[in-house]
C-alpha atoms as a PDB file:
ATOM      1  CA  MET A   1      15.097  10.628  87.093  1.00  0.00           C
ATOM      2  CA  LYS A   2      17.289   7.599  87.859  1.00  0.00           C
ATOM      3  CA  LEU A   3      15.201   6.904  90.933  1.00  0.00           C
ATOM      4  CA  LEU A   4      11.979   7.000  88.900  1.00  0.00           C
ATOM      5  CA  LEU A   5      13.432   4.603  86.332  1.00  0.00           C
ATOM      6  CA  ALA A   6      14.542   2.215  89.065  1.00  0.00           C
ATOM      7  CA  VAL A   7      11.079   2.235  90.633  1.00  0.00           C
ATOM      8  CA  ALA A   8       9.414   1.663  87.252  1.00  0.00           C
ATOM      9  CA  PHE A   9      11.814  -1.230  86.521  1.00  0.00           C
ATOM     10  CA  GLN A  10      11.011  -2.848  89.864  1.00  0.00           C
ATOM     11  CA  ILE A  11       7.268  -2.508  89.383  1.00  0.00           C
ATOM     12  CA  LEU A  12       7.344  -3.855  85.834  1.00  0.00           C
ATOM     13  CA  PHE A  13       9.625  -6.847  86.338  1.00  0.00           C
ATOM     14  CA  GLY A  14       8.432  -7.595  89.872  1.00  0.00           C
ATOM     15  CA  THR A  15       4.892  -7.808  88.539  1.00  0.00           C
ATOM     16  CA  LEU A  16       5.980 -10.005  85.653  1.00  0.00           C
ATOM     17  CA  TYR A  17       7.799 -12.368  88.009  1.00  0.00           C
ATOM     18  CA  SER A  18       4.907 -12.666  90.466  1.00  0.00           C
ATOM     19  CA  THR A  19       2.354 -13.319  87.720  1.00  0.00           C
ATOM     20  CA  ALA A  20       4.638 -16.045  86.315  1.00  0.00           C
ATOM     21  CA  ALA A  21       3.814 -18.264  89.304  1.00  0.00           C
ATOM     22  CA  VAL A  22       1.325 -20.967  88.261  1.00  0.00           C
ATOM     23  CA  PRO A  23      -1.982 -20.623  90.174  1.00  0.00           C
ATOM     24  CA  CYS A  24      -2.243 -23.316  92.833  1.00  0.00           C
ATOM     25  CA  LEU A  25      -4.573 -23.338  95.865  1.00  0.00           C
ATOM     26  CA  GLY A  26      -3.532 -26.019  98.335  1.00  0.00           C
ATOM     27  CA  SER A  27      -1.194 -26.321 101.310  1.00  0.00           C
ATOM     28  CA  TYR A  28       0.809 -29.546 101.210  1.00  0.00           C
ATOM     29  CA  LYS A  29       3.127 -31.588 103.416  1.00  0.00           C
ATOM     30  CA  VAL A  30       6.165 -32.690 101.443  1.00  0.00           C
ATOM     31  CA  ALA A  31       8.119 -35.691 102.737  1.00  0.00           C
ATOM     32  CA  VAL A  32      11.863 -35.673 102.142  1.00  0.00           C
ATOM     33  CA  ASN A  33      14.376 -38.453 102.709  1.00  0.00           C
ATOM     34  CA  GLU A  34      16.463 -37.295 105.667  1.00  0.00           C
ATOM     35  CA  SER A  35      19.801 -38.192 104.049  1.00  0.00           C
ATOM     36  CA  GLU A  36      22.651 -36.317 102.391  1.00  0.00           C
ATOM     37  CA  PRO A  37      22.578 -34.770  99.834  1.00  0.00           C
ATOM     38  CA  LEU A  38      18.764 -34.713  99.738  1.00  0.00           C
ATOM     39  CA  TYR A  39      18.071 -33.058 103.093  1.00  0.00           C
ATOM     40  CA  PHE A  40      20.635 -32.407 105.812  1.00  0.00           C
ATOM     41  CA  ARG A  41      21.896 -29.812 108.253  1.00  0.00           C
ATOM     42  CA  ASP A  42      24.928 -27.925 107.053  1.00  0.00           C
ATOM     43  CA  PRO A  43      27.074 -27.121 110.118  1.00  0.00           C
ATOM     44  CA  LYS A  44      28.544 -24.061 108.433  1.00  0.00           C
ATOM     45  CA  ALA A  45      25.260 -22.573 107.222  1.00  0.00           C
ATOM     46  CA  LYS A  46      23.521 -23.774 110.436  1.00  0.00           C
ATOM     47  CA  LYS A  47      20.376 -24.655 108.523  1.00  0.00           C
ATOM     48  CA  TYR A  48      18.826 -27.542 106.645  1.00  0.00           C
ATOM     49  CA  ILE A  49      19.639 -27.664 102.967  1.00  0.00           C
ATOM     50  CA  GLY A  50      19.803 -30.193 100.153  1.00  0.00           C
ATOM     51  CA  VAL A  51      18.505 -31.133  96.735  1.00  0.00           C
ATOM     52  CA  SER A  52      14.997 -31.830  98.043  1.00  0.00           C
ATOM     53  CA  GLN A  53      14.806 -28.533  99.924  1.00  0.00           C
ATOM     54  CA  ASP A  54      15.993 -26.626  96.849  1.00  0.00           C
ATOM     55  CA  LEU A  55      13.254 -28.294  94.815  1.00  0.00           C
ATOM     56  CA  ILE A  56      10.615 -27.342  97.399  1.00  0.00           C
ATOM     57  CA  ASP A  57      11.871 -23.747  97.333  1.00  0.00           C
ATOM     58  CA  GLU A  58      11.545 -23.721  93.541  1.00  0.00           C
ATOM     59  CA  LEU A  59       7.990 -25.082  93.652  1.00  0.00           C
ATOM     60  CA  SER A  60       7.120 -22.344  96.156  1.00  0.00           C
ATOM     61  CA  LEU A  61       8.427 -19.729  93.717  1.00  0.00           C
ATOM     62  CA  ARG A  62       6.867 -21.232  90.607  1.00  0.00           C
ATOM     63  CA  THR A  63       3.387 -21.944  92.009  1.00  0.00           C
ATOM     64  CA  THR A  64       1.098 -20.249  94.530  1.00  0.00           C
ATOM     65  CA  CYS A  65       0.716 -23.439  96.586  1.00  0.00           C
ATOM     66  CA  LYS A  66       2.151 -23.655 100.108  1.00  0.00           C
ATOM     67  CA  PHE A  67       4.628 -26.421 100.924  1.00  0.00           C
ATOM     68  CA  THR A  68       5.826 -27.636 104.324  1.00  0.00           C
ATOM     69  CA  THR A  69       8.939 -29.806 104.525  1.00  0.00           C
ATOM     70  CA  LEU A  70       8.598 -33.006 106.549  1.00  0.00           C
ATOM     71  CA  PRO A  71      11.920 -34.890 106.979  1.00  0.00           C
ATOM     72  CA  LEU A  72      11.489 -38.660 107.397  1.00  0.00           C
ATOM     73  CA  ASN A  73      13.568 -41.803 107.123  1.00  0.00           C
ATOM     74  CA  ARG A  74      12.842 -44.243 104.295  1.00  0.00           C
ATOM     75  CA  THR A  75      10.613 -46.592 106.323  1.00  0.00           C
ATOM     76  CA  ARG A  76       8.371 -43.771 107.563  1.00  0.00           C
ATOM     77  CA  LEU A  77       8.055 -42.318 104.057  1.00  0.00           C
ATOM     78  CA  ILE A  78       6.020 -45.378 103.133  1.00  0.00           C
ATOM     79  CA  SER A  79       3.849 -45.533 106.259  1.00  0.00           C
ATOM     80  CA  GLU A  80       3.101 -41.794 106.222  1.00  0.00           C
ATOM     81  CA  MET A  81       2.034 -41.843 102.568  1.00  0.00           C
ATOM     82  CA  LYS A  82      -0.163 -44.907 103.152  1.00  0.00           C
ATOM     83  CA  SER A  83      -1.947 -43.127 105.988  1.00  0.00           C
ATOM     84  CA  PHE A  84      -2.298 -39.889 103.934  1.00  0.00           C
ATOM     85  CA  ARG A  85      -0.316 -37.899 106.505  1.00  0.00           C
ATOM     86  CA  VAL A  86       1.952 -36.603 103.740  1.00  0.00           C
ATOM     87  CA  ASP A  87       0.941 -35.336 100.319  1.00  0.00           C
ATOM     88  CA  PHE A  88       4.188 -35.610  98.333  1.00  0.00           C
ATOM     89  CA  ILE A  89       7.421 -37.598  98.392  1.00  0.00           C
ATOM     90  CA  ILE A  90      10.042 -35.827  96.292  1.00  0.00           C
ATOM     91  CA  VAL A  91      13.333 -36.631  94.556  1.00  0.00           C
ATOM     92  CA  THR A  92      12.960 -40.388  94.466  1.00  0.00           C
ATOM     93  CA  VAL A  93      13.343 -43.166  91.937  1.00  0.00           C
ATOM     94  CA  LYS A  94      10.168 -44.674  90.500  1.00  0.00           C
ATOM     95  CA  ASN A  95       9.652 -48.051  92.135  1.00  0.00           C
ATOM     96  CA  PRO A  96       6.927 -50.713  92.566  1.00  0.00           C
ATOM     97  CA  VAL A  97       6.512 -50.114  96.318  1.00  0.00           C
ATOM     98  CA  PHE A  98       5.696 -46.405  95.962  1.00  0.00           C
ATOM     99  CA  ASP A  99       3.713 -47.115  92.770  1.00  0.00           C
ATOM    100  CA  SER A 100       1.320 -49.210  94.877  1.00  0.00           C
ATOM    101  CA  ILE A 101       0.468 -46.321  97.231  1.00  0.00           C
ATOM    102  CA  ALA A 102       0.848 -43.113  95.199  1.00  0.00           C
ATOM    103  CA  LYS A 103       0.997 -41.563  91.731  1.00  0.00           C
ATOM    104  CA  PHE A 104       4.219 -40.485  90.013  1.00  0.00           C
ATOM    105  CA  ILE A 105       5.346 -37.372  88.118  1.00  0.00           C
ATOM    106  CA  SER A 106       8.557 -38.003  86.200  1.00  0.00           C
ATOM    107  CA  MET A 107      11.305 -35.378  86.030  1.00  0.00           C
ATOM    108  CA  GLU A 108      14.057 -37.227  84.182  1.00  0.00           C
ATOM    109  CA  THR A 109      15.347 -40.654  83.198  1.00  0.00           C
ATOM    110  CA  VAL A 110      18.844 -41.573  84.365  1.00  0.00           C
ATOM    111  CA  SER A 111      21.467 -44.280  84.264  1.00  0.00           C
ATOM    112  CA  ARG A 112      22.565 -46.049  87.411  1.00  0.00           C
ATOM    113  CA  ALA A 113      26.165 -45.999  88.572  1.00  0.00           C
ATOM    114  CA  ALA A 114      28.038 -48.274  90.970  1.00  0.00           C
ATOM    115  CA  PHE A 115      30.459 -46.810  93.519  1.00  0.00           C
ATOM    116  CA  LEU A 116      33.159 -49.310  94.455  1.00  0.00           C
ATOM    117  CA  SER A 117      36.831 -49.747  95.155  1.00  0.00           C
ATOM    118  CA  THR A 118      39.264 -49.435  92.249  1.00  0.00           C
ATOM    119  CA  GLU A 119      40.427 -52.956  93.109  1.00  0.00           C
ATOM    120  CA  SER A 120      36.924 -54.337  92.565  1.00  0.00           C
ATOM    121  CA  LYS A 121      36.429 -52.392  89.330  1.00  0.00           C
ATOM    122  CA  GLY A 122      39.630 -53.878  87.994  1.00  0.00           C
ATOM    123  CA  LYS A 123      37.919 -57.272  88.116  1.00  0.00           C
ATOM    124  CA  HIS A 124      34.640 -56.129  86.546  1.00  0.00           C
ATOM    125  CA  GLN A 125      34.079 -54.376  83.234  1.00  0.00           C
ATOM    126  CA  THR A 126      30.279 -54.067  83.242  1.00  0.00           C
ATOM    127  CA  PHE A 127      27.407 -53.729  85.707  1.00  0.00           C
ATOM    128  CA  SER A 128      26.375 -57.247  84.762  1.00  0.00           C
ATOM    129  CA  ASP A 129      29.764 -58.453  86.005  1.00  0.00           C
ATOM    130  CA  LEU A 130      29.032 -56.924  89.414  1.00  0.00           C
ATOM    131  CA  LEU A 131      25.706 -58.723  89.613  1.00  0.00           C
ATOM    132  CA  LYS A 132      27.298 -62.058  88.754  1.00  0.00           C
ATOM    133  CA  ASP A 133      30.076 -61.838  91.343  1.00  0.00           C
ATOM    134  CA  THR A 134      28.630 -63.505  94.452  1.00  0.00           C
ATOM    135  CA  HIS A 135      31.486 -62.132  96.564  1.00  0.00           C
ATOM    136  CA  LEU A 136      30.145 -58.585  96.155  1.00  0.00           C
ATOM    137  CA  ARG A 137      27.356 -57.169  98.342  1.00  0.00           C
ATOM    138  CA  PHE A 138      25.181 -54.140  97.617  1.00  0.00           C
ATOM    139  CA  VAL A 139      24.463 -51.514 100.281  1.00  0.00           C
ATOM    140  CA  VAL A 140      20.822 -50.371 100.170  1.00  0.00           C
ATOM    141  CA  LEU A 141      18.397 -48.296 102.264  1.00  0.00           C
ATOM    142  CA  PRO A 142      15.552 -49.752 104.366  1.00  0.00           C
ATOM    143  CA  ALA A 143      12.090 -50.658 103.089  1.00  0.00           C
ATOM    144  CA  LEU A 144      12.899 -50.789  99.385  1.00  0.00           C
ATOM    145  CA  SER A 145      15.874 -51.142  97.072  1.00  0.00           C
ATOM    146  CA  ILE A 146      16.011 -48.762  94.105  1.00  0.00           C
ATOM    147  CA  PHE A 147      18.109 -48.891  90.919  1.00  0.00           C
ATOM    148  CA  PHE A 148      17.540 -52.632  90.512  1.00  0.00           C
ATOM    149  CA  THR A 149      15.135 -54.492  88.249  1.00  0.00           C
ATOM    150  CA  LYS A 150      12.595 -56.897  89.720  1.00  0.00           C
ATOM    151  CA  GLU A 151      14.615 -59.869  88.508  1.00  0.00           C
ATOM    152  CA  GLU A 152      17.837 -58.461  89.972  1.00  0.00           C
ATOM    153  CA  LEU A 153      16.161 -57.833  93.327  1.00  0.00           C
ATOM    154  CA  GLU A 154      14.854 -61.391  93.493  1.00  0.00           C
ATOM    155  CA  ARG A 155      18.231 -62.832  92.604  1.00  0.00           C
ATOM    156  CA  LEU A 156      20.286 -60.678  94.993  1.00  0.00           C
ATOM    157  CA  THR A 157      17.809 -61.229  97.827  1.00  0.00           C
ATOM    158  CA  LYS A 158      17.965 -64.986  97.329  1.00  0.00           C
ATOM    159  CA  GLU A 159      21.766 -64.814  97.370  1.00  0.00           C
ATOM    160  CA  ARG A 160      21.667 -62.639 100.532  1.00  0.00           C
ATOM    161  CA  ARG A 161      23.795 -59.962  98.914  1.00  0.00           C
ATOM    162  CA  PHE A 162      22.116 -56.861 100.369  1.00  0.00           C
ATOM    163  CA  ILE A 163      23.394 -54.874 103.348  1.00  0.00           C
ATOM    164  CA  THR A 164      20.919 -52.340 104.794  1.00  0.00           C
ATOM    165  CA  ALA A 165      22.141 -48.865 105.791  1.00  0.00           C
ATOM    166  CA  PRO A 166      19.920 -46.396 107.703  1.00  0.00           C
ATOM    167  CA  SER A 167      20.791 -43.431 105.444  1.00  0.00           C
ATOM    168  CA  ILE A 168      22.546 -42.636 102.188  1.00  0.00           C
ATOM    169  CA  GLN A 169      25.607 -41.229 103.978  1.00  0.00           C
ATOM    170  CA  SER A 170      25.935 -44.332 106.156  1.00  0.00           C
ATOM    171  CA  ALA A 171      26.024 -46.448 102.984  1.00  0.00           C
ATOM    172  CA  TYR A 172      29.272 -44.725 102.002  1.00  0.00           C
ATOM    173  CA  ASP A 173      30.619 -45.213 105.524  1.00  0.00           C
ATOM    174  CA  ILE A 174      29.992 -48.949 105.107  1.00  0.00           C
ATOM    175  CA  ILE A 175      31.863 -48.936 101.802  1.00  0.00           C
ATOM    176  CA  ALA A 176      34.853 -47.309 103.509  1.00  0.00           C
ATOM    177  CA  ARG A 177      35.182 -50.016 106.154  1.00  0.00           C
ATOM    178  CA  THR A 178      33.774 -53.134 104.456  1.00  0.00           C
ATOM    179  CA  PRO A 179      35.579 -54.891 101.562  1.00  0.00           C
ATOM    180  CA  ASN A 180      33.681 -56.115  98.497  1.00  0.00           C
ATOM    181  CA  THR A 181      30.733 -53.734  98.896  1.00  0.00           C
ATOM    182  CA  VAL A 182      28.993 -51.559  96.300  1.00  0.00           C
ATOM    183  CA  VAL A 183      26.582 -48.599  96.422  1.00  0.00           C
ATOM    184  CA  VAL A 184      24.304 -48.072  93.408  1.00  0.00           C
ATOM    185  CA  GLN A 185      22.935 -44.549  92.950  1.00  0.00           C
ATOM    186  CA  ALA A 186      22.629 -41.736  90.423  1.00  0.00           C
ATOM    187  CA  ASP A 187      25.974 -40.298  89.323  1.00  0.00           C
ATOM    188  CA  TRP A 188      25.411 -36.906  91.018  1.00  0.00           C
ATOM    189  CA  ILE A 189      24.832 -38.507  94.425  1.00  0.00           C
ATOM    190  CA  HIS A 190      28.125 -40.393  94.144  1.00  0.00           C
ATOM    191  CA  ARG A 191      29.881 -37.184  93.153  1.00  0.00           C
ATOM    192  CA  TYR A 192      28.481 -35.413  96.222  1.00  0.00           C
ATOM    193  CA  PHE A 193      30.116 -37.951  98.531  1.00  0.00           C
ATOM    194  CA  ILE A 194      33.361 -38.027  96.544  1.00  0.00           C
ATOM    195  CA  SER A 195      33.537 -34.241  96.952  1.00  0.00           C
ATOM    196  CA  SER A 196      32.182 -33.803 100.493  1.00  0.00           C
ATOM    197  CA  ARG A 197      34.061 -36.767 101.987  1.00  0.00           C
ATOM    198  CA  ASN A 198      37.236 -36.246  99.920  1.00  0.00           C
ATOM    199  CA  LEU A 199      37.158 -39.882  98.815  1.00  0.00           C
ATOM    200  CA  SER A 200      40.366 -40.747  97.023  1.00  0.00           C
ATOM    201  CA  PRO A 201      40.069 -41.469  93.265  1.00  0.00           C
ATOM    202  CA  GLN A 202      43.002 -43.844  93.718  1.00  0.00           C
ATOM    203  CA  LYS A 203      40.887 -45.943  96.082  1.00  0.00           C
ATOM    204  CA  TYR A 204      37.319 -45.521  94.794  1.00  0.00           C
ATOM    205  CA  THR A 205      35.756 -45.200  91.373  1.00  0.00           C
ATOM    206  CA  LEU A 206      32.458 -45.365  89.434  1.00  0.00           C
ATOM    207  CA  LEU A 207      31.163 -47.951  87.012  1.00  0.00           C
ATOM    208  CA  VAL A 208      28.247 -46.556  84.978  1.00  0.00           C
ATOM    209  CA  ASP A 209      25.551 -48.779  83.516  1.00  0.00           C
ATOM    210  CA  PRO A 210      24.798 -46.777  80.306  1.00  0.00           C
ATOM    211  CA  PRO A 211      21.086 -47.437  79.657  1.00  0.00           C
ATOM    212  CA  LYS A 212      18.827 -44.721  81.085  1.00  0.00           C
ATOM    213  CA  ASP A 213      16.271 -47.089  82.583  1.00  0.00           C
ATOM    214  CA  PHE A 214      15.375 -45.336  85.853  1.00  0.00           C
ATOM    215  CA  GLU A 215      13.018 -42.397  86.387  1.00  0.00           C
ATOM    216  CA  ILE A 216      13.529 -39.723  89.047  1.00  0.00           C
ATOM    217  CA  GLY A 217      10.576 -37.590  90.083  1.00  0.00           C
ATOM    218  CA  ILE A 218       7.969 -37.031  92.783  1.00  0.00           C
ATOM    219  CA  TYR A 219       5.073 -39.067  94.151  1.00  0.00           C
ATOM    220  CA  TYR A 220       1.745 -37.650  95.301  1.00  0.00           C
ATOM    221  CA  ARG A 221      -1.192 -39.224  97.079  1.00  0.00           C
ATOM    222  CA  GLY A 222      -3.959 -40.116  94.666  1.00  0.00           C
ATOM    223  CA  ASN A 223      -6.833 -38.553  96.600  1.00  0.00           C
ATOM    224  CA  ILE A 224      -5.653 -34.931  96.526  1.00  0.00           C
ATOM    225  CA  SER A 225      -8.891 -32.966  96.304  1.00  0.00           C
ATOM    226  CA  ASN A 226      -7.809 -30.358  93.760  1.00  0.00           C
ATOM    227  CA  PRO A 227      -6.507 -31.979  90.534  1.00  0.00           C
ATOM    228  CA  ASN A 228      -5.721 -28.520  89.151  1.00  0.00           C
ATOM    229  CA  ASP A 229      -2.969 -28.225  91.754  1.00  0.00           C
ATOM    230  CA  ILE A 230      -1.340 -31.385  90.421  1.00  0.00           C
ATOM    231  CA  THR A 231      -1.515 -29.918  86.919  1.00  0.00           C
ATOM    232  CA  ALA A 232       0.117 -26.699  88.163  1.00  0.00           C
ATOM    233  CA  ILE A 233       2.871 -28.550  90.029  1.00  0.00           C
ATOM    234  CA  SER A 234       3.521 -30.817  87.025  1.00  0.00           C
ATOM    235  CA  GLN A 235       3.883 -27.754  84.795  1.00  0.00           C
ATOM    236  CA  ALA A 236       6.255 -26.119  87.278  1.00  0.00           C
ATOM    237  CA  LEU A 237       8.387 -29.281  87.343  1.00  0.00           C
ATOM    238  CA  ARG A 238       8.537 -29.407  83.533  1.00  0.00           C
ATOM    239  CA  ASP A 239       9.655 -25.771  83.410  1.00  0.00           C
ATOM    240  CA  PHE A 240      12.131 -26.376  86.235  1.00  0.00           C
ATOM    241  CA  VAL A 241      13.811 -29.155  84.251  1.00  0.00           C
ATOM    242  CA  ALA A 242      13.550 -27.448  80.842  1.00  0.00           C
ATOM    243  CA  ASP A 243      15.170 -24.170  81.925  1.00  0.00           C
ATOM    244  CA  GLY A 244      18.180 -25.957  83.424  1.00  0.00           C
ATOM    245  CA  THR A 245      17.447 -25.250  87.105  1.00  0.00           C
ATOM    246  CA  TRP A 246      17.281 -28.944  87.996  1.00  0.00           C
ATOM    247  CA  LYS A 247      20.714 -29.531  86.464  1.00  0.00           C
ATOM    248  CA  LYS A 248      22.145 -26.535  88.317  1.00  0.00           C
ATOM    249  CA  ILE A 249      20.900 -27.908  91.637  1.00  0.00           C
ATOM    250  CA  LYS A 250      22.369 -31.358  90.972  1.00  0.00           C
ATOM    251  CA  ASP A 251      25.696 -29.837  89.918  1.00  0.00           C
ATOM    252  CA  LYS A 252      25.698 -27.609  93.002  1.00  0.00           C
ATOM    253  CA  TYR A 253      25.590 -30.584  95.346  1.00  0.00           C
ATOM    254  CA  ALA A 254      27.769 -32.810  93.165  1.00  0.00           C
ATOM    255  CA  ASN A 255      30.551 -30.311  93.813  1.00  0.00           C
ATOM    256  CA  TYR A 256      29.650 -29.562  97.413  1.00  0.00           C
ATOM    257  CA  PRO A 257      32.501 -28.838  99.862  1.00  0.00           C
ATOM    258  CA  GLY A 258      33.146 -31.123 102.807  1.00  0.00           C
ATOM    259  CA  THR A 259      30.581 -31.205 105.610  1.00  0.00           C
ATOM    260  CA  LYS A 260      32.861 -33.029 108.034  1.00  0.00           C
END
């Protein structure tokens, strides 16, 4: 009797789960930024993991589309999308460069936070103070600088206050060895490096710019042949955020154990 009940339970709820996937027909190449904590190889797990990979796994569960992960550096993300060799770029901040080559689906709006030495924070009370201090330089990734307004980008570029790092993790390495430098990211990315690199709270800290002025989401190429797939993926993303899964993934990596 118990066996029959178990089989019936599996059939009922297995069927319900499978039919919950939103119908979606296409097979898509999904570009991910090959940087921690978005997409990286965990030496302990001996596989590639990260926030972007977790999101792709969720989309595979929540829709019937097929997704293939394509890890790329920031510069190639742009060229590959322009040439239509990738279909999606995921977990990125809305920005004018990507806006010019693709369409955006928003997942959430966030504040920006500056990661800097406690000594530097002692001299600055607001994000505006950081921007005004010409002795400070901001570490950014190649091709485009996110978490800055157009006016801020023009000003900081003119003042030659950007340092380019090849990956997100290398930006934090630069901070560790270069005085008067700042990394601007979402809070959960900072917390990943504080946790995984065991960065001392006596030496480093965060300065949050309270307004939620920056959107995080995914880009897709505008000439995808089946618009119904975009509708299905958009719905899956809304559900993914609404049911708390997106927050769980961010919290998972914000508290990630050391990888070194």
